[in-house]
């Protein structure tokens, strides 16, 4: 009975050991896949962060430029010293270029702003100039609203994207920790099974030897 029990234990433990070794292999492969996912997600998040930062900075600059241009035109009633006018046009030009890239300005409005920017000599006391200046203020005001809306959308989208990526990183990291702990436990189990199988084999050899001795004694 002892020999049969030991043989059964050895067979069962050997099968269990092989199963655990196979699971270790599968989990190590999974760990590599998780590590790859983590690295890719972190790299993607860094790239998305850089893209958001650049776009956000451009929008902030465009909004600031527009606000300065509108404030300057409203405060002076469309009259500016030449140096101020050059700075004002530079601000408007930058905002206009941003608006074109983002398709935030319609062609007619774009043409009216461009015409204003291309004026080399102006007479601030000219009623026609003042009329067009107010039209430019209105266009810039509409454009400012569009830029603020775009900034709000970009910020909201980034908030969602960042949260999703950070959640994926957290989940993947947690999965890696859990999987690593399982691998360590399996390796410990395999080591214990190897020791137990070896001990059982020694016991089996001893039991079989004793059986042979008993059988020989009975014959004698």
N, C-alpha and C. Protein backbone atom coordinates (compact mmCIF):
# COMPACT_ATOMS: atom_id res chain seq x y z
N UNK A 1 0.83 -1.21 0.00
CA UNK A 1 0.00 0.00 0.00
C UNK A 1 0.86 1.25 0.00
N UNK A 2 1.94 1.22 0.81
CA UNK A 2 2.82 2.38 0.88
C UNK A 2 3.49 2.64 -0.47
N UNK A 3 3.87 1.55 -1.14
CA UNK A 3 4.52 1.69 -2.46
C UNK A 3 3.54 2.28 -3.47
N UNK A 4 2.31 1.79 -3.45
CA UNK A 4 1.30 2.30 -4.37
C UNK A 4 0.98 3.77 -4.09
N UNK A 5 0.93 4.09 -2.80
CA UNK A 5 0.65 5.48 -2.40
C UNK A 5 1.75 6.42 -2.85
N UNK A 6 3.00 5.98 -2.65
CA UNK A 6 4.13 6.81 -3.05
C UNK A 6 4.17 6.98 -4.57
N UNK A 7 3.90 5.90 -5.28
CA UNK A 7 3.89 5.96 -6.74
C UNK A 7 2.81 6.91 -7.25
N UNK A 8 1.65 6.83 -6.61
CA UNK A 8 0.54 7.71 -7.00
C UNK A 8 0.88 9.17 -6.71
N UNK A 9 1.50 9.41 -5.55
CA UNK A 9 1.88 10.78 -5.18
C UNK A 9 2.91 11.33 -6.16
N UNK A 10 3.89 10.51 -6.51
CA UNK A 10 4.93 10.95 -7.45
C UNK A 10 4.32 11.30 -8.80
N UNK A 11 3.42 10.46 -9.26
CA UNK A 11 2.77 10.70 -10.55
C UNK A 11 1.95 11.99 -10.52
N UNK A 12 1.18 12.14 -9.43
CA UNK A 12 0.33 13.32 -9.30
C UNK A 12 1.17 14.59 -9.16
N UNK A 13 2.20 14.53 -8.32
CA UNK A 13 3.05 15.71 -8.10
C UNK A 13 3.84 16.08 -9.37
N UNK A 14 4.25 15.07 -10.12
CA UNK A 14 4.99 15.33 -11.36
C UNK A 14 4.09 16.04 -12.37
N UNK A 15 2.84 15.58 -12.47
CA UNK A 15 1.89 16.21 -13.38
C UNK A 15 1.61 17.64 -12.94
N UNK A 16 1.48 17.84 -11.63
CA UNK A 16 1.23 19.19 -11.10
C UNK A 16 2.42 20.10 -11.36
N UNK A 17 3.63 19.53 -11.18
CA UNK A 17 4.85 20.32 -11.42
C UNK A 17 4.92 20.77 -12.89
N UNK A 18 4.64 19.88 -13.82
CA UNK A 18 4.69 20.21 -15.24
C UNK A 18 3.63 21.27 -15.59
N UNK A 19 2.46 21.13 -14.97
CA UNK A 19 1.39 22.11 -15.22
C UNK A 19 1.80 23.49 -14.74
N UNK A 20 2.43 23.52 -13.57
CA UNK A 20 2.87 24.81 -13.01
C UNK A 20 4.02 25.41 -13.85
N UNK A 21 4.90 24.56 -14.34
CA UNK A 21 5.99 25.04 -15.21
C UNK A 21 5.41 25.64 -16.49
N UNK A 22 4.40 24.99 -17.04
CA UNK A 22 3.74 25.53 -18.23
C UNK A 22 3.07 26.87 -17.94
N UNK A 23 2.43 26.95 -16.78
CA UNK A 23 1.76 28.20 -16.40
C UNK A 23 2.77 29.32 -16.20
N UNK A 24 3.93 28.97 -15.64
CA UNK A 24 4.99 29.97 -15.46
C UNK A 24 5.40 30.53 -16.83
N UNK A 25 5.56 29.63 -17.80
CA UNK A 25 5.92 30.07 -19.15
C UNK A 25 4.88 31.00 -19.74
N UNK A 26 3.61 30.65 -19.56
CA UNK A 26 2.52 31.47 -20.10
C UNK A 26 2.47 32.83 -19.40
N UNK A 27 2.67 32.82 -18.09
CA UNK A 27 2.62 34.08 -17.34
C UNK A 27 3.82 34.98 -17.65
N UNK A 28 4.97 34.38 -17.91
CA UNK A 28 6.13 35.18 -18.29
C UNK A 28 5.92 35.83 -19.66
N UNK A 29 5.26 35.10 -20.54
CA UNK A 29 4.92 35.66 -21.84
C UNK A 29 3.93 36.80 -21.67
N UNK A 30 2.95 36.60 -20.78
CA UNK A 30 1.97 37.65 -20.49
C UNK A 30 2.66 38.87 -19.89
N UNK A 31 3.67 38.61 -19.03
CA UNK A 31 4.38 39.73 -18.39
C UNK A 31 5.11 40.57 -19.44
N UNK A 32 5.67 39.91 -20.43
CA UNK A 32 6.34 40.63 -21.52
C UNK A 32 5.35 41.47 -22.31
N UNK A 33 4.16 40.90 -22.56
CA UNK A 33 3.13 41.63 -23.29
C UNK A 33 2.64 42.83 -22.49
N UNK A 34 2.48 42.64 -21.18
CA UNK A 34 2.04 43.73 -20.33
C UNK A 34 3.10 44.83 -20.28
N UNK A 35 4.36 44.42 -20.20
CA UNK A 35 5.46 45.40 -20.18
C UNK A 35 5.49 46.20 -21.48
N UNK A 36 5.23 45.53 -22.58
CA UNK A 36 5.19 46.21 -23.89
C UNK A 36 4.03 47.20 -23.93
N UNK A 37 2.87 46.76 -23.45
CA UNK A 37 1.70 47.65 -23.41
C UNK A 37 1.97 48.87 -22.55
N UNK A 38 2.61 48.63 -21.40
CA UNK A 38 2.93 49.74 -20.49
C UNK A 38 3.87 50.74 -21.15
N UNK A 39 4.93 50.23 -21.77
CA UNK A 39 5.90 51.10 -22.42
C UNK A 39 5.26 51.89 -23.56
N UNK A 40 4.43 51.21 -24.36
CA UNK A 40 3.76 51.89 -25.48
C UNK A 40 2.80 52.96 -24.97
N UNK A 41 2.08 52.65 -23.90
CA UNK A 41 1.12 53.61 -23.36
C UNK A 41 1.82 54.82 -22.79
N UNK A 42 2.91 54.59 -22.06
CA UNK A 42 3.67 55.70 -21.49
C UNK A 42 4.26 56.59 -22.59
N UNK A 43 4.77 55.95 -23.66
CA UNK A 43 5.33 56.71 -24.78
C UNK A 43 4.24 57.50 -25.49
N UNK A 44 3.07 56.85 -25.68
CA UNK A 44 1.95 57.52 -26.35
C UNK A 44 1.47 58.71 -25.51
N UNK A 45 1.39 58.52 -24.20
CA UNK A 45 0.94 59.59 -23.31
C UNK A 45 1.91 60.77 -23.37
N UNK A 46 3.20 60.47 -23.38
CA UNK A 46 4.21 61.54 -23.46
C UNK A 46 4.06 62.31 -24.78
N UNK A 47 3.82 61.59 -25.87
CA UNK A 47 3.65 62.23 -27.18
C UNK A 47 2.37 63.09 -27.20
N UNK A 48 1.30 62.52 -26.65
CA UNK A 48 0.03 63.25 -26.60
C UNK A 48 0.14 64.48 -25.70
N UNK A 49 0.89 64.34 -24.61
CA UNK A 49 1.09 65.47 -23.70
C UNK A 49 1.83 66.60 -24.42
N UNK A 50 2.88 66.23 -25.16
CA UNK A 50 3.65 67.23 -25.89
C UNK A 50 2.79 67.92 -26.95
N UNK A 51 1.97 67.14 -27.64
CA UNK A 51 1.10 67.71 -28.68
C UNK A 51 0.07 68.66 -28.06
N UNK A 52 -0.50 68.22 -26.93
CA UNK A 52 -1.48 69.08 -26.25
C UNK A 52 -0.82 70.36 -25.76
N UNK A 53 0.35 70.23 -25.14
CA UNK A 53 1.05 71.41 -24.61
C UNK A 53 1.32 72.42 -25.72
N UNK A 54 1.76 71.91 -26.89
CA UNK A 54 2.07 72.81 -28.01
C UNK A 54 0.81 73.50 -28.52
N UNK A 55 -0.26 72.71 -28.70
CA UNK A 55 -1.50 73.29 -29.21
C UNK A 55 -2.11 74.25 -28.21
N UNK A 56 -2.06 73.89 -26.94
CA UNK A 56 -2.60 74.75 -25.89
C UNK A 56 -1.84 76.07 -25.83
N UNK A 57 -0.52 75.98 -25.95
CA UNK A 57 0.31 77.20 -25.91
C UNK A 57 -0.01 78.09 -27.11
N UNK A 58 -0.19 77.49 -28.29
CA UNK A 58 -0.54 78.27 -29.48
C UNK A 58 -1.88 78.97 -29.30
N UNK A 59 -2.84 78.23 -28.76
CA UNK A 59 -4.17 78.82 -28.55
C UNK A 59 -4.10 79.94 -27.50
N UNK A 60 -3.36 79.71 -26.43
CA UNK A 60 -3.22 80.74 -25.40
C UNK A 60 -2.60 82.01 -25.99
N UNK A 61 -1.58 81.81 -26.84
CA UNK A 61 -0.91 82.97 -27.45
C UNK A 61 -1.87 83.70 -28.40
N UNK A 62 -2.63 82.90 -29.17
CA UNK A 62 -3.58 83.52 -30.11
C UNK A 62 -4.66 84.29 -29.36
N UNK A 63 -5.16 83.71 -28.28
CA UNK A 63 -6.20 84.37 -27.48
C UNK A 63 -5.65 85.66 -26.86
N UNK A 64 -4.44 85.55 -26.31
CA UNK A 64 -3.82 86.73 -25.70
C UNK A 64 -3.58 87.84 -26.73
N UNK A 65 -3.13 87.43 -27.92
CA UNK A 65 -2.88 88.41 -28.98
C UNK A 65 -4.17 89.10 -29.41
N UNK A 66 -5.23 88.31 -29.55
CA UNK A 66 -6.52 88.87 -29.95
C UNK A 66 -7.06 89.82 -28.88
N UNK A 67 -6.96 89.40 -27.64
CA UNK A 67 -7.45 90.24 -26.55
C UNK A 67 -6.70 91.58 -26.52
N UNK A 68 -5.38 91.51 -26.71
CA UNK A 68 -4.57 92.73 -26.72
C UNK A 68 -4.94 93.62 -27.89
N UNK A 69 -5.13 93.00 -29.07
CA UNK A 69 -5.48 93.76 -30.27
C UNK A 69 -6.84 94.43 -30.12
N UNK A 70 -7.81 93.69 -29.61
CA UNK A 70 -9.17 94.23 -29.44
C UNK A 70 -9.15 95.36 -28.41
N UNK A 71 -8.47 95.13 -27.28
CA UNK A 71 -8.39 96.16 -26.24
C UNK A 71 -7.75 97.43 -26.78
N UNK A 72 -6.68 97.25 -27.57
CA UNK A 72 -5.96 98.41 -28.11
C UNK A 72 -6.83 99.18 -29.08
N UNK A 73 -7.55 98.47 -29.94
CA UNK A 73 -8.40 99.15 -30.93
C UNK A 73 -9.58 99.83 -30.27
N UNK A 74 -10.17 99.18 -29.29
CA UNK A 74 -11.32 99.78 -28.60
C UNK A 74 -10.88 100.98 -27.78
N UNK A 75 -9.74 100.85 -27.09
CA UNK A 75 -9.27 101.92 -26.21
C UNK A 75 -8.91 103.19 -26.96
N UNK A 76 -8.41 103.04 -28.17
CA UNK A 76 -7.95 104.21 -28.93
C UNK A 76 -8.93 104.63 -30.03
N UNK A 77 -10.00 103.92 -30.15
CA UNK A 77 -10.99 104.26 -31.17
C UNK A 77 -10.47 104.05 -32.57
N UNK A 78 -9.50 103.15 -32.71
CA UNK A 78 -8.97 102.84 -34.04
C UNK A 78 -7.82 103.71 -34.45
N UNK A 79 -7.32 104.56 -33.53
CA UNK A 79 -6.16 105.41 -33.85
C UNK A 79 -4.96 104.91 -33.07
N UNK A 80 -3.82 104.80 -33.73
CA UNK A 80 -2.62 104.28 -33.10
C UNK A 80 -1.38 104.98 -33.64
N UNK A 81 -0.40 105.22 -32.78
CA UNK A 81 0.90 105.63 -33.30
C UNK A 81 1.42 104.53 -34.20
N UNK A 82 2.29 104.86 -35.13
CA UNK A 82 2.75 103.87 -36.11
C UNK A 82 3.38 102.64 -35.47
N UNK A 83 4.20 102.84 -34.40
CA UNK A 83 4.84 101.69 -33.74
C UNK A 83 3.80 100.77 -33.12
N UNK A 84 2.80 101.39 -32.49
CA UNK A 84 1.73 100.59 -31.87
C UNK A 84 0.93 99.86 -32.94
N UNK A 85 0.72 100.54 -34.05
CA UNK A 85 -0.04 99.93 -35.14
C UNK A 85 0.68 98.71 -35.70
N UNK A 86 2.00 98.81 -35.81
CA UNK A 86 2.78 97.66 -36.30
C UNK A 86 2.66 96.48 -35.35
N UNK A 87 2.76 96.76 -34.05
CA UNK A 87 2.64 95.69 -33.05
C UNK A 87 1.25 95.08 -33.08
N UNK A 88 0.25 95.96 -33.25
CA UNK A 88 -1.14 95.50 -33.32
C UNK A 88 -1.35 94.59 -34.52
N UNK A 89 -0.82 95.00 -35.66
CA UNK A 89 -0.97 94.18 -36.86
C UNK A 89 -0.26 92.84 -36.71
N UNK A 90 0.88 92.85 -36.02
CA UNK A 90 1.62 91.60 -35.81
C UNK A 90 0.80 90.62 -34.97
N UNK A 91 0.14 91.16 -33.94
CA UNK A 91 -0.72 90.32 -33.10
C UNK A 91 -1.88 89.74 -33.91
N UNK A 92 -2.50 90.61 -34.70
CA UNK A 92 -3.64 90.16 -35.50
C UNK A 92 -3.19 89.14 -36.54
N UNK A 93 -2.02 89.38 -37.16
CA UNK A 93 -1.51 88.46 -38.18
C UNK A 93 -1.28 87.07 -37.60
N UNK A 94 -0.70 87.02 -36.40
CA UNK A 94 -0.47 85.73 -35.77
C UNK A 94 -1.78 85.00 -35.50
N UNK A 95 -2.75 85.72 -34.98
CA UNK A 95 -4.06 85.11 -34.68
C UNK A 95 -4.75 84.65 -35.96
N UNK A 96 -4.60 85.44 -37.01
CA UNK A 96 -5.22 85.09 -38.29
C UNK A 96 -4.61 83.80 -38.86
N UNK A 97 -3.30 83.69 -38.75
CA UNK A 97 -2.63 82.48 -39.23
C UNK A 97 -3.10 81.25 -38.46
N UNK A 98 -3.24 81.40 -37.15
CA UNK A 98 -3.76 80.30 -36.34
C UNK A 98 -5.19 79.95 -36.75
N UNK A 99 -5.99 80.95 -36.99
CA UNK A 99 -7.39 80.72 -37.37
C UNK A 99 -7.47 79.99 -38.70
N UNK A 100 -6.58 80.34 -39.63
CA UNK A 100 -6.56 79.68 -40.93
C UNK A 100 -6.21 78.20 -40.77
N UNK A 101 -5.21 77.92 -39.96
CA UNK A 101 -4.79 76.53 -39.74
C UNK A 101 -5.94 75.71 -39.15
N UNK A 102 -6.70 76.30 -38.26
CA UNK A 102 -7.78 75.59 -37.56
C UNK A 102 -9.14 75.75 -38.24
N UNK A 103 -9.15 76.43 -39.40
CA UNK A 103 -10.40 76.66 -40.14
C UNK A 103 -11.45 77.35 -39.27
N UNK A 104 -11.01 78.37 -38.54
CA UNK A 104 -11.92 79.07 -37.64
C UNK A 104 -12.42 80.40 -38.21
N UNK A 105 -11.98 80.76 -39.41
CA UNK A 105 -12.39 82.05 -39.97
C UNK A 105 -12.87 81.86 -41.41
N UNK A 106 -14.00 82.48 -41.74
CA UNK A 106 -14.56 82.37 -43.09
C UNK A 106 -13.80 83.29 -44.05
N UNK A 107 -13.81 82.93 -45.32
CA UNK A 107 -13.04 83.67 -46.33
C UNK A 107 -13.36 85.17 -46.38
N UNK A 108 -14.64 85.59 -46.41
CA UNK A 108 -14.92 87.04 -46.47
C UNK A 108 -14.32 87.80 -45.29
N UNK A 109 -14.47 87.24 -44.08
CA UNK A 109 -13.93 87.89 -42.90
C UNK A 109 -12.40 87.91 -42.96
N UNK A 110 -11.85 86.79 -43.44
CA UNK A 110 -10.40 86.69 -43.57
C UNK A 110 -9.87 87.78 -44.50
N UNK A 111 -10.58 88.01 -45.63
CA UNK A 111 -10.15 89.02 -46.60
C UNK A 111 -10.21 90.42 -46.01
N UNK A 112 -11.23 90.68 -45.20
CA UNK A 112 -11.36 92.02 -44.61
C UNK A 112 -10.24 92.28 -43.62
N UNK A 113 -9.86 91.27 -42.87
CA UNK A 113 -8.76 91.42 -41.92
C UNK A 113 -7.45 91.59 -42.67
N UNK A 114 -7.25 90.80 -43.72
CA UNK A 114 -6.03 90.89 -44.52
C UNK A 114 -5.91 92.29 -45.14
N UNK A 115 -7.01 92.81 -45.63
CA UNK A 115 -7.00 94.16 -46.22
C UNK A 115 -6.58 95.19 -45.18
N UNK A 116 -7.08 95.03 -43.97
CA UNK A 116 -6.71 95.94 -42.89
C UNK A 116 -5.22 95.85 -42.59
N UNK A 117 -4.71 94.65 -42.57
CA UNK A 117 -3.29 94.44 -42.27
C UNK A 117 -2.40 95.01 -43.36
N UNK A 118 -2.90 95.04 -44.59
CA UNK A 118 -2.07 95.47 -45.72
C UNK A 118 -2.06 96.98 -45.92
N UNK A 119 -2.85 97.68 -45.13
CA UNK A 119 -2.85 99.13 -45.26
C UNK A 119 -1.52 99.69 -44.76
N UNK A 120 -0.81 100.41 -45.64
CA UNK A 120 0.48 100.98 -45.25
C UNK A 120 0.32 102.37 -44.65
N UNK A 121 -0.66 103.14 -45.16
CA UNK A 121 -0.91 104.48 -44.64
C UNK A 121 -2.39 104.60 -44.31
N UNK A 122 -2.67 105.10 -43.15
CA UNK A 122 -4.07 105.25 -42.75
C UNK A 122 -4.26 106.63 -42.13
N UNK A 123 -5.48 107.11 -42.24
CA UNK A 123 -5.84 108.37 -41.60
C UNK A 123 -6.86 108.05 -40.50
N UNK A 124 -6.44 108.05 -39.23
CA UNK A 124 -7.35 107.69 -38.14
C UNK A 124 -8.60 108.55 -38.08
N UNK A 125 -8.54 109.77 -38.65
CA UNK A 125 -9.71 110.65 -38.60
C UNK A 125 -10.68 110.39 -39.75
N UNK A 126 -10.28 109.52 -40.66
CA UNK A 126 -11.13 109.19 -41.81
C UNK A 126 -12.30 108.32 -41.33
N UNK A 127 -13.55 108.78 -41.50
CA UNK A 127 -14.72 108.00 -41.05
C UNK A 127 -14.74 106.60 -41.65
N UNK A 128 -14.28 106.49 -42.88
CA UNK A 128 -14.27 105.18 -43.54
C UNK A 128 -13.30 104.25 -42.82
N UNK A 129 -12.17 104.80 -42.41
CA UNK A 129 -11.19 103.99 -41.67
C UNK A 129 -11.77 103.52 -40.34
N UNK A 130 -12.42 104.48 -39.64
CA UNK A 130 -13.01 104.13 -38.35
C UNK A 130 -14.10 103.07 -38.52
N UNK A 131 -14.84 103.18 -39.61
CA UNK A 131 -15.90 102.19 -39.88
C UNK A 131 -15.29 100.80 -40.06
N UNK A 132 -14.24 100.74 -40.86
CA UNK A 132 -13.59 99.46 -41.10
C UNK A 132 -12.89 98.93 -39.84
N UNK A 133 -12.36 99.85 -39.04
CA UNK A 133 -11.71 99.44 -37.79
C UNK A 133 -12.72 98.75 -36.88
N UNK A 134 -13.93 99.32 -36.80
CA UNK A 134 -14.96 98.70 -35.96
C UNK A 134 -15.35 97.34 -36.52
N UNK A 135 -15.37 97.23 -37.85
CA UNK A 135 -15.66 95.93 -38.47
C UNK A 135 -14.60 94.91 -38.12
N UNK A 136 -13.35 95.36 -38.08
CA UNK A 136 -12.25 94.46 -37.71
C UNK A 136 -12.40 94.03 -36.26
N UNK A 137 -12.78 94.97 -35.39
CA UNK A 137 -13.00 94.64 -33.98
C UNK A 137 -14.08 93.56 -33.85
N UNK A 138 -15.15 93.71 -34.62
CA UNK A 138 -16.23 92.73 -34.58
C UNK A 138 -15.74 91.35 -35.05
N UNK A 139 -14.98 91.35 -36.14
CA UNK A 139 -14.44 90.08 -36.66
C UNK A 139 -13.52 89.44 -35.64
N UNK A 140 -12.65 90.26 -35.06
CA UNK A 140 -11.71 89.73 -34.07
C UNK A 140 -12.45 89.23 -32.82
N UNK A 141 -13.55 89.93 -32.47
CA UNK A 141 -14.35 89.48 -31.32
C UNK A 141 -14.96 88.11 -31.57
N UNK A 142 -15.47 87.92 -32.78
CA UNK A 142 -16.03 86.60 -33.14
C UNK A 142 -14.93 85.54 -33.14
N UNK A 143 -13.78 85.94 -33.67
CA UNK A 143 -12.66 85.00 -33.73
C UNK A 143 -12.19 84.62 -32.32
N UNK A 144 -12.20 85.60 -31.43
CA UNK A 144 -11.81 85.35 -30.04
C UNK A 144 -12.74 84.32 -29.39
N UNK A 145 -14.03 84.44 -29.66
CA UNK A 145 -14.99 83.46 -29.14
C UNK A 145 -14.68 82.07 -29.68
N UNK A 146 -14.38 82.02 -30.99
CA UNK A 146 -14.06 80.73 -31.60
C UNK A 146 -12.81 80.11 -30.99
N UNK A 147 -11.80 80.95 -30.76
CA UNK A 147 -10.56 80.46 -30.15
C UNK A 147 -10.82 79.95 -28.72
N UNK A 148 -11.62 80.69 -27.97
CA UNK A 148 -11.93 80.25 -26.60
C UNK A 148 -12.71 78.95 -26.60
N UNK A 149 -13.63 78.81 -27.57
CA UNK A 149 -14.38 77.56 -27.68
C UNK A 149 -13.45 76.40 -28.05
N UNK A 150 -12.55 76.68 -29.00
CA UNK A 150 -11.58 75.66 -29.41
C UNK A 150 -10.69 75.25 -28.24
N UNK A 151 -10.25 76.24 -27.46
CA UNK A 151 -9.40 75.96 -26.30
C UNK A 151 -10.15 75.09 -25.28
N UNK A 152 -11.42 75.41 -25.07
CA UNK A 152 -12.23 74.63 -24.12
C UNK A 152 -12.38 73.19 -24.60
N UNK A 153 -12.60 73.02 -25.91
CA UNK A 153 -12.74 71.68 -26.47
C UNK A 153 -11.43 70.90 -26.37
N UNK A 154 -10.33 71.57 -26.69
CA UNK A 154 -9.01 70.92 -26.63
C UNK A 154 -8.71 70.50 -25.20
N UNK A 155 -9.00 71.38 -24.24
CA UNK A 155 -8.75 71.06 -22.84
C UNK A 155 -9.62 69.89 -22.36
N UNK A 156 -10.88 69.90 -22.75
CA UNK A 156 -11.80 68.83 -22.34
C UNK A 156 -11.38 67.50 -22.94
N UNK A 157 -11.01 67.51 -24.21
CA UNK A 157 -10.58 66.28 -24.87
C UNK A 157 -9.30 65.76 -24.26
N UNK A 158 -8.39 66.66 -23.92
CA UNK A 158 -7.13 66.23 -23.30
C UNK A 158 -7.37 65.64 -21.91
N UNK A 159 -8.29 66.24 -21.18
CA UNK A 159 -8.61 65.72 -19.85
C UNK A 159 -9.09 64.27 -19.94
N UNK A 160 -9.96 64.00 -20.93
CA UNK A 160 -10.46 62.63 -21.12
C UNK A 160 -9.35 61.70 -21.58
N UNK A 161 -8.55 62.16 -22.55
CA UNK A 161 -7.47 61.33 -23.07
C UNK A 161 -6.46 60.99 -21.99
N UNK A 162 -6.06 61.99 -21.23
CA UNK A 162 -5.07 61.78 -20.17
C UNK A 162 -5.59 60.82 -19.11
N UNK A 163 -6.86 61.00 -18.72
CA UNK A 163 -7.45 60.12 -17.71
C UNK A 163 -7.48 58.67 -18.19
N UNK A 164 -7.83 58.48 -19.47
CA UNK A 164 -7.91 57.12 -20.03
C UNK A 164 -6.52 56.48 -20.08
N UNK A 165 -5.53 57.24 -20.51
CA UNK A 165 -4.17 56.71 -20.62
C UNK A 165 -3.61 56.39 -19.23
N UNK A 166 -3.84 57.28 -18.27
CA UNK A 166 -3.34 57.06 -16.92
C UNK A 166 -4.04 55.87 -16.26
N UNK A 167 -5.31 55.68 -16.58
CA UNK A 167 -6.03 54.52 -16.05
C UNK A 167 -5.46 53.24 -16.63
N UNK A 168 -5.15 53.26 -17.93
CA UNK A 168 -4.57 52.09 -18.58
C UNK A 168 -3.20 51.78 -17.98
N UNK A 169 -2.42 52.80 -17.71
CA UNK A 169 -1.11 52.60 -17.10
C UNK A 169 -1.27 51.99 -15.70
N UNK A 170 -2.22 52.52 -14.93
CA UNK A 170 -2.46 52.01 -13.58
C UNK A 170 -2.93 50.55 -13.61
N UNK A 171 -3.87 50.25 -14.52
CA UNK A 171 -4.39 48.89 -14.64
C UNK A 171 -3.29 47.91 -15.08
N UNK A 172 -2.49 48.33 -16.05
CA UNK A 172 -1.43 47.47 -16.56
C UNK A 172 -0.37 47.22 -15.50
N UNK A 173 -0.02 48.27 -14.76
CA UNK A 173 0.95 48.13 -13.69
C UNK A 173 0.43 47.17 -12.61
N UNK A 174 -0.85 47.31 -12.29
CA UNK A 174 -1.47 46.42 -11.30
C UNK A 174 -1.47 44.97 -11.79
N UNK A 175 -1.79 44.78 -13.06
CA UNK A 175 -1.79 43.43 -13.65
C UNK A 175 -0.39 42.83 -13.62
N UNK A 176 0.62 43.65 -13.88
CA UNK A 176 2.00 43.16 -13.86
C UNK A 176 2.42 42.74 -12.45
N UNK A 177 2.00 43.53 -11.47
CA UNK A 177 2.32 43.22 -10.07
C UNK A 177 1.66 41.90 -9.65
N UNK A 178 0.39 41.76 -10.01
CA UNK A 178 -0.35 40.53 -9.67
C UNK A 178 0.27 39.32 -10.38
N UNK A 179 0.58 39.50 -11.65
CA UNK A 179 1.15 38.41 -12.44
C UNK A 179 2.53 38.01 -11.94
N UNK A 180 3.34 38.99 -11.56
CA UNK A 180 4.67 38.72 -11.02
C UNK A 180 4.59 37.94 -9.72
N UNK A 181 3.61 38.32 -8.88
CA UNK A 181 3.41 37.61 -7.61
C UNK A 181 3.01 36.16 -7.88
N UNK A 182 2.17 35.95 -8.88
CA UNK A 182 1.73 34.59 -9.24
C UNK A 182 2.91 33.77 -9.75
N UNK A 183 3.78 34.39 -10.56
CA UNK A 183 4.97 33.69 -11.07
C UNK A 183 5.87 33.27 -9.91
N UNK A 184 6.09 34.19 -8.98
CA UNK A 184 6.95 33.88 -7.82
C UNK A 184 6.38 32.71 -7.01
N UNK A 185 5.04 32.72 -6.82
CA UNK A 185 4.41 31.65 -6.06
C UNK A 185 4.51 30.31 -6.80
N UNK A 186 4.30 30.35 -8.10
CA UNK A 186 4.41 29.13 -8.91
C UNK A 186 5.82 28.57 -8.86
N UNK A 187 6.82 29.44 -8.93
CA UNK A 187 8.21 28.98 -8.89
C UNK A 187 8.53 28.35 -7.53
N UNK A 188 7.97 28.94 -6.47
CA UNK A 188 8.14 28.35 -5.13
C UNK A 188 7.45 26.99 -5.07
N UNK A 189 6.25 26.91 -5.63
CA UNK A 189 5.52 25.64 -5.65
C UNK A 189 6.30 24.57 -6.40
N UNK A 190 6.88 24.94 -7.53
CA UNK A 190 7.65 23.98 -8.33
C UNK A 190 8.86 23.48 -7.54
N UNK A 191 9.55 24.40 -6.89
CA UNK A 191 10.71 24.00 -6.07
C UNK A 191 10.30 23.04 -4.97
N UNK A 192 9.19 23.33 -4.32
CA UNK A 192 8.70 22.45 -3.24
C UNK A 192 8.30 21.08 -3.79
N UNK A 193 7.67 21.07 -4.97
CA UNK A 193 7.28 19.80 -5.58
C UNK A 193 8.50 18.98 -5.98
N UNK A 194 9.54 19.64 -6.48
CA UNK A 194 10.76 18.94 -6.85
C UNK A 194 11.36 18.25 -5.63
N UNK A 195 11.38 18.99 -4.51
CA UNK A 195 11.91 18.42 -3.26
C UNK A 195 11.05 17.25 -2.80
N UNK A 196 9.73 17.42 -2.86
CA UNK A 196 8.81 16.37 -2.40
C UNK A 196 8.91 15.13 -3.28
N UNK A 197 8.99 15.34 -4.59
CA UNK A 197 9.09 14.20 -5.52
C UNK A 197 10.38 13.43 -5.28
N UNK A 198 11.46 14.16 -5.07
CA UNK A 198 12.75 13.51 -4.81
C UNK A 198 12.69 12.70 -3.52
N UNK A 199 12.07 13.29 -2.49
CA UNK A 199 11.94 12.58 -1.21
C UNK A 199 11.06 11.34 -1.36
N UNK A 200 9.97 11.47 -2.09
CA UNK A 200 9.07 10.33 -2.31
C UNK A 200 9.76 9.23 -3.11
N UNK A 201 10.59 9.61 -4.07
CA UNK A 201 11.31 8.61 -4.86
C UNK A 201 12.31 7.85 -3.98
N UNK A 202 12.96 8.57 -3.11
CA UNK A 202 13.87 7.89 -2.17
C UNK A 202 13.10 6.94 -1.26
N UNK A 203 11.94 7.44 -0.80
CA UNK A 203 11.12 6.59 0.07
C UNK A 203 10.61 5.38 -0.70
N UNK A 204 10.29 5.57 -1.98
CA UNK A 204 9.82 4.47 -2.80
C UNK A 204 10.92 3.43 -3.00
N UNK A 205 12.13 3.91 -3.25
CA UNK A 205 13.27 2.99 -3.41
C UNK A 205 13.46 2.18 -2.13
N UNK A 206 13.39 2.89 -1.00
CA UNK A 206 13.57 2.20 0.29
C UNK A 206 12.45 1.19 0.51
N UNK A 207 11.23 1.57 0.18
CA UNK A 207 10.08 0.68 0.39
C UNK A 207 10.18 -0.55 -0.50
N UNK A 208 10.59 -0.36 -1.74
CA UNK A 208 10.73 -1.49 -2.65
C UNK A 208 11.87 -2.41 -2.21
N UNK A 209 12.92 -1.79 -1.69
CA UNK A 209 14.04 -2.59 -1.20
C UNK A 209 13.62 -3.43 0.01
N UNK A 210 12.86 -2.80 0.88
CA UNK A 210 12.38 -3.53 2.07
C UNK A 210 11.44 -4.66 1.66
N UNK A 211 10.62 -4.41 0.64
CA UNK A 211 9.70 -5.44 0.17
C UNK A 211 10.47 -6.64 -0.39
N UNK A 212 11.52 -6.32 -1.15
CA UNK A 212 12.34 -7.42 -1.70
C UNK A 212 13.01 -8.21 -0.59
N UNK A 213 13.48 -7.49 0.41
CA UNK A 213 14.12 -8.17 1.53
C UNK A 213 13.13 -9.06 2.27
N UNK A 214 11.90 -8.57 2.43
CA UNK A 214 10.89 -9.37 3.12
C UNK A 214 10.52 -10.59 2.31
N UNK A 215 10.42 -10.38 0.98
CA UNK A 215 10.08 -11.50 0.12
C UNK A 215 11.19 -12.57 0.15
N UNK A 216 12.44 -12.09 0.18
CA UNK A 216 13.56 -13.03 0.23
C UNK A 216 13.59 -13.77 1.55
N UNK A 217 13.25 -13.03 2.62
CA UNK A 217 13.24 -13.66 3.94
C UNK A 217 12.17 -14.74 4.01
N UNK A 218 10.99 -14.44 3.39
CA UNK A 218 9.91 -15.42 3.41
C UNK A 218 10.30 -16.66 2.62
N UNK A 219 11.07 -16.49 1.55
CA UNK A 219 11.50 -17.64 0.75
C UNK A 219 12.50 -18.51 1.54
N UNK A 220 13.36 -17.80 2.27
CA UNK A 220 14.35 -18.53 3.05
C UNK A 220 13.69 -19.23 4.21
